[in-house]
Amino acid sequence: MTDHPLVPDDFAVPTELITPHFRLEPLGPRHNASDHTAWSSSVEHIRATPGFEDGEWPPTDGMTLEANLADLRRHADDFARRRGFTYTVLDTVSGEVIGCVYIYPSRADAHDTDVSSWVRADRAHLDAPLHEAVTAWLTADWPLDTFTYRPRPRRLP
């Protein structure tokens, strides 16, 4: 990871994206319990999601709430320093965490930014709509030259 900002200093980083089915806001410590429940209930599903097949995350043996909190604090620090942006995906009605979106500098030379996302197994039907909404949002509202975000197959609800 680079210590340089991912976006220019004069760019106002969006603090939300709202659709009829979900809402994005910056991931932070206040999401710890719901985030932990979301990913730990869907490890196999997340590992089968494009961008997560390498098997490094989420950990199959779990993670304590304290370790998850440290991870969320790291993401919040990256956001504050403009080095990377992690958004929690929330249910618009219940406010529960149902996924995450990660926007970070690329690890490859072919593009500037890597984008990945996951949704809980019980919300798998939202994976393609999340991908479509985030792709449109990044294209229209973010100053990113090139990014990679693995496509999703369209699933029926």
N, C-alpha and C. Protein backbone atom coordinates (compact mmCIF):
# COMPACT_ATOMS: atom_id res chain seq x y z
N MET A 1 0.85 -1.18 0.00
CA MET A 1 0.00 0.00 0.00
C MET A 1 0.89 1.24 0.00
N THR A 2 0.44 2.22 -0.72
CA THR A 2 1.18 3.47 -0.81
C THR A 2 0.81 4.41 0.33
N ASP A 3 1.71 5.31 0.64
CA ASP A 3 1.42 6.32 1.64
C ASP A 3 0.85 7.58 1.00
N HIS A 4 0.72 7.55 -0.33
CA HIS A 4 0.22 8.70 -1.07
C HIS A 4 -1.30 8.63 -1.18
N PRO A 5 -1.96 9.80 -1.17
CA PRO A 5 -3.42 9.81 -1.34
C PRO A 5 -3.83 9.20 -2.67
N LEU A 6 -4.95 8.51 -2.67
CA LEU A 6 -5.48 7.89 -3.88
C LEU A 6 -6.20 8.92 -4.75
N VAL A 7 -6.69 9.98 -4.13
CA VAL A 7 -7.44 11.02 -4.83
C VAL A 7 -6.80 12.38 -4.53
N PRO A 8 -7.02 13.35 -5.42
CA PRO A 8 -6.45 14.68 -5.19
C PRO A 8 -7.00 15.33 -3.91
N ASP A 9 -6.21 16.23 -3.34
CA ASP A 9 -6.59 16.92 -2.10
C ASP A 9 -7.89 17.70 -2.24
N ASP A 10 -8.18 18.22 -3.44
CA ASP A 10 -9.38 19.04 -3.61
C ASP A 10 -10.64 18.21 -3.93
N PHE A 11 -10.50 16.89 -3.98
CA PHE A 11 -11.66 16.04 -4.25
C PHE A 11 -12.43 15.79 -2.95
N ALA A 12 -13.72 16.10 -2.95
CA ALA A 12 -14.57 15.84 -1.79
C ALA A 12 -15.02 14.38 -1.85
N VAL A 13 -14.41 13.57 -1.02
CA VAL A 13 -14.71 12.14 -1.02
C VAL A 13 -16.16 11.93 -0.61
N PRO A 14 -16.94 11.21 -1.41
CA PRO A 14 -18.34 10.97 -1.07
C PRO A 14 -18.48 10.21 0.26
N THR A 15 -19.47 10.57 1.02
CA THR A 15 -19.72 9.90 2.29
C THR A 15 -20.91 8.96 2.24
N GLU A 16 -21.56 8.87 1.06
CA GLU A 16 -22.64 7.91 0.94
C GLU A 16 -23.00 7.68 -0.52
N LEU A 17 -23.60 6.54 -0.73
CA LEU A 17 -24.25 6.19 -1.99
C LEU A 17 -25.53 5.50 -1.56
N ILE A 18 -26.66 5.99 -2.06
CA ILE A 18 -27.95 5.44 -1.65
C ILE A 18 -28.68 4.89 -2.88
N THR A 19 -29.15 3.65 -2.74
CA THR A 19 -29.99 3.03 -3.77
C THR A 19 -31.24 2.53 -3.05
N PRO A 20 -32.22 2.04 -3.78
CA PRO A 20 -33.42 1.51 -3.11
C PRO A 20 -33.14 0.28 -2.23
N HIS A 21 -32.05 -0.46 -2.51
CA HIS A 21 -31.81 -1.72 -1.80
C HIS A 21 -30.69 -1.68 -0.77
N PHE A 22 -29.81 -0.70 -0.86
CA PHE A 22 -28.69 -0.61 0.07
C PHE A 22 -28.15 0.81 0.09
N ARG A 23 -27.37 1.06 1.14
CA ARG A 23 -26.75 2.37 1.32
C ARG A 23 -25.30 2.14 1.69
N LEU A 24 -24.39 2.92 1.11
CA LEU A 24 -22.98 2.85 1.47
C LEU A 24 -22.62 4.04 2.33
N GLU A 25 -21.80 3.78 3.35
CA GLU A 25 -21.20 4.85 4.15
C GLU A 25 -19.82 4.37 4.56
N PRO A 26 -18.92 5.29 4.94
CA PRO A 26 -17.57 4.86 5.32
C PRO A 26 -17.62 3.85 6.47
N LEU A 27 -16.85 2.77 6.31
CA LEU A 27 -16.76 1.74 7.34
C LEU A 27 -15.95 2.27 8.51
N GLY A 28 -16.43 2.01 9.71
CA GLY A 28 -15.70 2.46 10.89
C GLY A 28 -15.99 1.59 12.09
N PRO A 29 -15.36 1.91 13.21
CA PRO A 29 -15.52 1.12 14.43
C PRO A 29 -16.96 0.91 14.87
N ARG A 30 -17.85 1.85 14.59
CA ARG A 30 -19.25 1.71 15.02
C ARG A 30 -19.95 0.54 14.34
N HIS A 31 -19.37 0.02 13.25
CA HIS A 31 -19.95 -1.09 12.52
C HIS A 31 -19.41 -2.45 12.98
N ASN A 32 -18.57 -2.46 14.00
CA ASN A 32 -17.83 -3.67 14.35
C ASN A 32 -18.70 -4.92 14.51
N ALA A 33 -19.67 -4.88 15.38
CA ALA A 33 -20.46 -6.09 15.66
C ALA A 33 -21.22 -6.55 14.42
N SER A 34 -21.87 -5.63 13.73
CA SER A 34 -22.66 -5.99 12.55
C SER A 34 -21.76 -6.45 11.40
N ASP A 35 -20.61 -5.81 11.23
CA ASP A 35 -19.65 -6.21 10.20
C ASP A 35 -19.14 -7.62 10.49
N HIS A 36 -18.76 -7.86 11.73
CA HIS A 36 -18.24 -9.18 12.12
C HIS A 36 -19.28 -10.26 11.86
N THR A 37 -20.52 -10.01 12.23
CA THR A 37 -21.60 -10.96 11.97
C THR A 37 -21.78 -11.19 10.48
N ALA A 38 -21.74 -10.12 9.71
CA ALA A 38 -21.98 -10.23 8.26
C ALA A 38 -20.95 -11.11 7.58
N TRP A 39 -19.68 -10.83 7.77
CA TRP A 39 -18.68 -11.62 7.04
C TRP A 39 -18.50 -13.01 7.65
N SER A 40 -18.59 -13.12 8.97
CA SER A 40 -18.34 -14.44 9.58
C SER A 40 -19.47 -15.43 9.28
N SER A 41 -20.64 -14.91 8.91
CA SER A 41 -21.75 -15.80 8.54
C SER A 41 -21.70 -16.20 7.07
N SER A 42 -20.73 -15.67 6.33
CA SER A 42 -20.72 -15.84 4.87
C SER A 42 -19.32 -16.12 4.31
N VAL A 43 -18.45 -16.73 5.09
CA VAL A 43 -17.06 -16.93 4.66
C VAL A 43 -16.97 -17.66 3.33
N GLU A 44 -17.64 -18.78 3.20
CA GLU A 44 -17.57 -19.57 1.96
C GLU A 44 -18.10 -18.77 0.77
N HIS A 45 -19.21 -18.07 0.98
CA HIS A 45 -19.79 -17.26 -0.09
C HIS A 45 -18.84 -16.13 -0.51
N ILE A 46 -18.25 -15.45 0.46
CA ILE A 46 -17.34 -14.34 0.13
C ILE A 46 -16.12 -14.87 -0.62
N ARG A 47 -15.57 -15.99 -0.19
CA ARG A 47 -14.39 -16.55 -0.85
C ARG A 47 -14.68 -17.00 -2.28
N ALA A 48 -15.94 -17.17 -2.63
CA ALA A 48 -16.32 -17.53 -3.99
C ALA A 48 -16.65 -16.29 -4.83
N THR A 49 -16.63 -15.11 -4.22
CA THR A 49 -16.95 -13.86 -4.89
C THR A 49 -15.75 -13.38 -5.71
N PRO A 50 -15.96 -12.91 -6.95
CA PRO A 50 -14.84 -12.39 -7.73
C PRO A 50 -14.04 -11.36 -6.93
N GLY A 51 -12.72 -11.58 -6.92
CA GLY A 51 -11.82 -10.69 -6.18
C GLY A 51 -11.39 -11.26 -4.84
N PHE A 52 -12.04 -12.31 -4.37
CA PHE A 52 -11.71 -12.90 -3.08
C PHE A 52 -11.32 -14.37 -3.18
N GLU A 53 -11.15 -14.88 -4.39
CA GLU A 53 -10.86 -16.29 -4.59
C GLU A 53 -9.46 -16.70 -4.12
N ASP A 54 -8.59 -15.73 -3.84
CA ASP A 54 -7.23 -16.08 -3.42
C ASP A 54 -7.19 -16.75 -2.05
N GLY A 55 -8.29 -16.67 -1.33
CA GLY A 55 -8.39 -17.38 -0.07
C GLY A 55 -7.73 -16.72 1.13
N GLU A 56 -7.30 -15.47 0.98
CA GLU A 56 -6.66 -14.80 2.11
C GLU A 56 -7.66 -14.17 3.08
N TRP A 57 -8.80 -13.76 2.54
CA TRP A 57 -9.82 -13.14 3.39
C TRP A 57 -11.19 -13.55 2.88
N PRO A 58 -12.11 -13.77 3.74
CA PRO A 58 -12.03 -13.73 5.20
C PRO A 58 -11.37 -14.98 5.78
N PRO A 59 -10.84 -14.87 6.99
CA PRO A 59 -10.16 -16.02 7.59
C PRO A 59 -11.15 -17.15 7.92
N THR A 60 -10.80 -18.36 7.51
CA THR A 60 -11.69 -19.49 7.75
C THR A 60 -11.81 -19.82 9.23
N ASP A 61 -10.80 -19.49 10.00
CA ASP A 61 -10.86 -19.78 11.43
C ASP A 61 -11.42 -18.62 12.24
N GLY A 62 -11.97 -17.63 11.54
CA GLY A 62 -12.62 -16.51 12.21
C GLY A 62 -11.64 -15.46 12.71
N MET A 63 -12.19 -14.55 13.47
CA MET A 63 -11.43 -13.42 14.02
C MET A 63 -12.21 -12.92 15.23
N THR A 64 -11.52 -12.54 16.25
CA THR A 64 -12.20 -12.00 17.42
C THR A 64 -12.81 -10.64 17.09
N LEU A 65 -13.76 -10.23 17.89
CA LEU A 65 -14.33 -8.89 17.71
C LEU A 65 -13.26 -7.82 17.87
N GLU A 66 -12.32 -8.04 18.78
CA GLU A 66 -11.23 -7.08 19.00
C GLU A 66 -10.34 -6.96 17.76
N ALA A 67 -10.02 -8.11 17.14
CA ALA A 67 -9.20 -8.09 15.92
C ALA A 67 -9.97 -7.45 14.77
N ASN A 68 -11.26 -7.72 14.69
CA ASN A 68 -12.09 -7.09 13.66
C ASN A 68 -12.12 -5.58 13.86
N LEU A 69 -12.24 -5.15 15.11
CA LEU A 69 -12.24 -3.71 15.42
C LEU A 69 -10.94 -3.06 14.97
N ALA A 70 -9.82 -3.73 15.21
CA ALA A 70 -8.52 -3.19 14.77
C ALA A 70 -8.50 -3.05 13.25
N ASP A 71 -9.06 -4.03 12.55
CA ASP A 71 -9.13 -3.98 11.09
C ASP A 71 -9.99 -2.80 10.63
N LEU A 72 -11.13 -2.60 11.29
CA LEU A 72 -12.01 -1.48 10.93
C LEU A 72 -11.33 -0.14 11.21
N ARG A 73 -10.57 -0.07 12.29
CA ARG A 73 -9.83 1.17 12.59
C ARG A 73 -8.78 1.44 11.51
N ARG A 74 -8.12 0.39 11.02
CA ARG A 74 -7.13 0.55 9.95
C ARG A 74 -7.80 1.09 8.69
N HIS A 75 -8.96 0.53 8.34
CA HIS A 75 -9.69 1.03 7.17
C HIS A 75 -10.13 2.48 7.36
N ALA A 76 -10.59 2.83 8.55
CA ALA A 76 -11.00 4.21 8.82
C ALA A 76 -9.80 5.16 8.72
N ASP A 77 -8.63 4.70 9.19
CA ASP A 77 -7.42 5.52 9.09
C ASP A 77 -7.02 5.71 7.62
N ASP A 78 -7.10 4.65 6.83
CA ASP A 78 -6.82 4.78 5.39
C ASP A 78 -7.75 5.80 4.76
N PHE A 79 -9.03 5.75 5.14
CA PHE A 79 -10.03 6.68 4.60
C PHE A 79 -9.65 8.11 4.98
N ALA A 80 -9.34 8.33 6.24
CA ALA A 80 -8.98 9.68 6.72
C ALA A 80 -7.74 10.21 6.03
N ARG A 81 -6.80 9.32 5.73
CA ARG A 81 -5.56 9.73 5.07
C ARG A 81 -5.68 9.72 3.55
N ARG A 82 -6.87 9.31 3.05
CA ARG A 82 -7.17 9.29 1.63
C ARG A 82 -6.30 8.30 0.85
N ARG A 83 -5.83 7.26 1.54
CA ARG A 83 -4.98 6.23 0.92
C ARG A 83 -5.81 5.08 0.36
N GLY A 84 -7.03 4.94 0.82
CA GLY A 84 -7.92 3.88 0.38
C GLY A 84 -9.27 4.13 1.03
N PHE A 85 -10.32 3.60 0.42
CA PHE A 85 -11.66 3.91 0.90
C PHE A 85 -12.47 2.63 1.03
N THR A 86 -12.90 2.34 2.24
CA THR A 86 -13.74 1.18 2.49
C THR A 86 -15.10 1.68 2.95
N TYR A 87 -16.12 1.19 2.26
CA TYR A 87 -17.49 1.54 2.59
C TYR A 87 -18.21 0.30 3.07
N THR A 88 -19.02 0.46 4.12
CA THR A 88 -19.89 -0.61 4.53
C THR A 88 -21.16 -0.51 3.70
N VAL A 89 -21.74 -1.67 3.39
CA VAL A 89 -22.99 -1.73 2.64
C VAL A 89 -24.07 -2.06 3.66
N LEU A 90 -25.02 -1.16 3.81
CA LEU A 90 -26.07 -1.31 4.82
C LEU A 90 -27.43 -1.55 4.18
N ASP A 91 -28.23 -2.38 4.84
CA ASP A 91 -29.61 -2.56 4.44
C ASP A 91 -30.33 -1.23 4.67
N THR A 92 -31.12 -0.77 3.69
CA THR A 92 -31.77 0.53 3.81
C THR A 92 -32.86 0.56 4.87
N VAL A 93 -33.41 -0.59 5.22
CA VAL A 93 -34.48 -0.63 6.22
C VAL A 93 -33.92 -0.90 7.62
N SER A 94 -33.18 -2.00 7.77
CA SER A 94 -32.71 -2.41 9.10
C SER A 94 -31.43 -1.71 9.54
N GLY A 95 -30.63 -1.24 8.59
CA GLY A 95 -29.34 -0.65 8.92
C GLY A 95 -28.25 -1.67 9.17
N GLU A 96 -28.56 -2.96 9.01
CA GLU A 96 -27.57 -4.03 9.20
C GLU A 96 -26.50 -3.97 8.13
N VAL A 97 -25.28 -4.36 8.49
CA VAL A 97 -24.22 -4.50 7.50
C VAL A 97 -24.54 -5.73 6.65
N ILE A 98 -24.54 -5.52 5.33
CA ILE A 98 -24.80 -6.64 4.42
C ILE A 98 -23.64 -6.83 3.45
N GLY A 99 -22.58 -6.02 3.57
CA GLY A 99 -21.42 -6.17 2.70
C GLY A 99 -20.42 -5.05 2.88
N CYS A 100 -19.42 -5.05 2.01
CA CYS A 100 -18.38 -4.00 2.01
C CYS A 100 -17.90 -3.74 0.59
N VAL A 101 -17.40 -2.52 0.38
CA VAL A 101 -16.77 -2.12 -0.88
C VAL A 101 -15.41 -1.54 -0.52
N TYR A 102 -14.36 -1.99 -1.24
CA TYR A 102 -12.99 -1.54 -1.01
C TYR A 102 -12.48 -0.85 -2.26
N ILE A 103 -11.92 0.36 -2.09
CA ILE A 103 -11.35 1.13 -3.20
C ILE A 103 -9.92 1.47 -2.77
N TYR A 104 -8.94 0.79 -3.39
CA TYR A 104 -7.55 0.93 -2.96
C TYR A 104 -6.62 1.04 -4.17
N PRO A 105 -5.42 1.59 -3.96
CA PRO A 105 -4.45 1.64 -5.05
C PRO A 105 -4.21 0.24 -5.61
N SER A 106 -4.00 0.17 -6.91
CA SER A 106 -3.82 -1.11 -7.57
C SER A 106 -2.49 -1.76 -7.20
N ARG A 107 -2.52 -3.08 -7.22
CA ARG A 107 -1.30 -3.86 -7.04
C ARG A 107 -0.69 -4.22 -8.39
N ALA A 108 -1.34 -3.80 -9.48
CA ALA A 108 -0.88 -4.10 -10.83
C ALA A 108 -0.58 -2.80 -11.58
N ASP A 109 0.20 -2.91 -12.62
CA ASP A 109 0.57 -1.72 -13.40
C ASP A 109 -0.47 -1.35 -14.46
N ALA A 110 -1.40 -2.23 -14.76
CA ALA A 110 -2.35 -2.01 -15.85
C ALA A 110 -3.44 -0.99 -15.52
N HIS A 111 -3.60 -0.65 -14.24
CA HIS A 111 -4.64 0.29 -13.83
C HIS A 111 -4.24 0.94 -12.52
N ASP A 112 -4.93 2.01 -12.15
CA ASP A 112 -4.58 2.78 -10.97
C ASP A 112 -5.20 2.26 -9.68
N THR A 113 -6.41 1.72 -9.79
CA THR A 113 -7.20 1.41 -8.60
C THR A 113 -7.81 0.02 -8.70
N ASP A 114 -7.81 -0.69 -7.56
CA ASP A 114 -8.51 -1.97 -7.45
C ASP A 114 -9.77 -1.75 -6.63
N VAL A 115 -10.87 -2.28 -7.11
CA VAL A 115 -12.14 -2.19 -6.39
C VAL A 115 -12.63 -3.62 -6.18
N SER A 116 -13.10 -3.89 -4.99
CA SER A 116 -13.69 -5.20 -4.71
C SER A 116 -14.87 -4.99 -3.76
N SER A 117 -15.75 -5.97 -3.75
CA SER A 117 -16.92 -5.89 -2.86
C SER A 117 -17.41 -7.29 -2.57
N TRP A 118 -18.14 -7.38 -1.48
CA TRP A 118 -18.81 -8.64 -1.13
C TRP A 118 -20.14 -8.31 -0.47
N VAL A 119 -21.03 -9.27 -0.52
CA VAL A 119 -22.30 -9.18 0.19
C VAL A 119 -22.48 -10.49 0.96
N ARG A 120 -23.29 -10.43 2.01
CA ARG A 120 -23.60 -11.63 2.78
C ARG A 120 -24.25 -12.67 1.88
N ALA A 121 -24.10 -13.93 2.26
CA ALA A 121 -24.69 -15.03 1.48
C ALA A 121 -26.20 -14.88 1.34
N ASP A 122 -26.86 -14.41 2.41
CA ASP A 122 -28.32 -14.26 2.33
C ASP A 122 -28.75 -13.04 1.53
N ARG A 123 -27.81 -12.28 1.01
CA ARG A 123 -28.09 -11.14 0.13
C ARG A 123 -27.37 -11.29 -1.20
N ALA A 124 -27.06 -12.51 -1.59
CA ALA A 124 -26.31 -12.77 -2.83
C ALA A 124 -26.96 -12.12 -4.05
N HIS A 125 -28.27 -12.00 -4.05
CA HIS A 125 -28.97 -11.38 -5.19
C HIS A 125 -28.60 -9.90 -5.36
N LEU A 126 -27.97 -9.29 -4.35
CA LEU A 126 -27.58 -7.88 -4.44
C LEU A 126 -26.15 -7.69 -4.96
N ASP A 127 -25.43 -8.78 -5.20
CA ASP A 127 -24.04 -8.67 -5.63
C ASP A 127 -23.92 -7.93 -6.96
N ALA A 128 -24.68 -8.35 -7.97
CA ALA A 128 -24.62 -7.67 -9.28
C ALA A 128 -25.15 -6.24 -9.21
N PRO A 129 -26.28 -5.98 -8.53
CA PRO A 129 -26.73 -4.59 -8.42
C PRO A 129 -25.72 -3.69 -7.68
N LEU A 130 -25.05 -4.24 -6.68
CA LEU A 130 -24.01 -3.46 -5.98
C LEU A 130 -22.88 -3.14 -6.94
N HIS A 131 -22.43 -4.14 -7.69
CA HIS A 131 -21.35 -3.93 -8.66
C HIS A 131 -21.74 -2.85 -9.67
N GLU A 132 -22.97 -2.94 -10.19
CA GLU A 132 -23.43 -1.95 -11.18
C GLU A 132 -23.50 -0.55 -10.60
N ALA A 133 -24.04 -0.42 -9.38
CA ALA A 133 -24.16 0.90 -8.75
C ALA A 133 -22.79 1.50 -8.45
N VAL A 134 -21.89 0.70 -7.92
CA VAL A 134 -20.56 1.20 -7.58
C VAL A 134 -19.78 1.56 -8.83
N THR A 135 -19.87 0.73 -9.86
CA THR A 135 -19.18 1.04 -11.12
C THR A 135 -19.66 2.38 -11.69
N ALA A 136 -20.96 2.58 -11.72
CA ALA A 136 -21.51 3.85 -12.24
C ALA A 136 -21.07 5.02 -11.37
N TRP A 137 -21.08 4.84 -10.06
CA TRP A 137 -20.69 5.88 -9.11
C TRP A 137 -19.22 6.26 -9.30
N LEU A 138 -18.36 5.27 -9.39
CA LEU A 138 -16.92 5.55 -9.56
C LEU A 138 -16.65 6.23 -10.90
N THR A 139 -17.36 5.80 -11.92
CA THR A 139 -17.17 6.38 -13.25
C THR A 139 -17.65 7.83 -13.31
N ALA A 140 -18.79 8.11 -12.70
CA ALA A 140 -19.38 9.45 -12.78
C ALA A 140 -18.83 10.43 -11.76
N ASP A 141 -18.53 9.97 -10.56
CA ASP A 141 -18.27 10.90 -9.45
C ASP A 141 -16.87 10.89 -8.86
N TRP A 142 -16.02 9.97 -9.29
CA TRP A 142 -14.68 9.85 -8.71
C TRP A 142 -13.62 10.21 -9.75
N PRO A 143 -12.50 10.80 -9.31
CA PRO A 143 -11.42 11.16 -10.25
C PRO A 143 -10.42 10.01 -10.43
N LEU A 144 -10.91 8.84 -10.80
CA LEU A 144 -10.05 7.68 -11.00
C LEU A 144 -9.81 7.50 -12.49
N ASP A 145 -8.54 7.41 -12.89
CA ASP A 145 -8.24 7.23 -14.30
C ASP A 145 -8.67 5.85 -14.78
N THR A 146 -8.17 4.83 -14.13
CA THR A 146 -8.53 3.46 -14.50
C THR A 146 -8.72 2.65 -13.22
N PHE A 147 -9.67 1.74 -13.27
CA PHE A 147 -9.85 0.84 -12.12
C PHE A 147 -10.29 -0.52 -12.62
N THR A 148 -10.01 -1.51 -11.81
CA THR A 148 -10.49 -2.85 -12.11
C THR A 148 -11.47 -3.26 -11.01
N TYR A 149 -12.56 -3.85 -11.45
CA TYR A 149 -13.62 -4.30 -10.54
C TYR A 149 -14.26 -5.49 -11.24
N ARG A 150 -13.95 -6.67 -10.79
CA ARG A 150 -14.37 -7.88 -11.46
C ARG A 150 -15.89 -7.96 -11.61
N PRO A 151 -16.38 -8.23 -12.84
CA PRO A 151 -17.82 -8.28 -13.07
C PRO A 151 -18.51 -9.41 -12.32
N ARG A 152 -19.81 -9.27 -12.19
CA ARG A 152 -20.65 -10.23 -11.49
C ARG A 152 -21.70 -10.79 -12.45
N PRO A 153 -21.99 -12.08 -12.30
CA PRO A 153 -23.11 -12.61 -13.08
C PRO A 153 -24.42 -12.09 -12.50
N ARG A 154 -25.37 -11.85 -13.35
CA ARG A 154 -26.69 -11.37 -12.93
C ARG A 154 -27.47 -12.56 -12.38
N ARG A 155 -28.00 -12.44 -11.17
CA ARG A 155 -28.78 -13.51 -10.55
C ARG A 155 -30.20 -13.05 -10.34
N LEU A 156 -31.11 -13.98 -10.43
CA LEU A 156 -32.51 -13.67 -10.14
C LEU A 156 -32.72 -13.68 -8.64
N PRO A 157 -33.57 -12.79 -8.13
CA PRO A 157 -33.81 -12.75 -6.67
C PRO A 157 -34.50 -13.99 -6.16
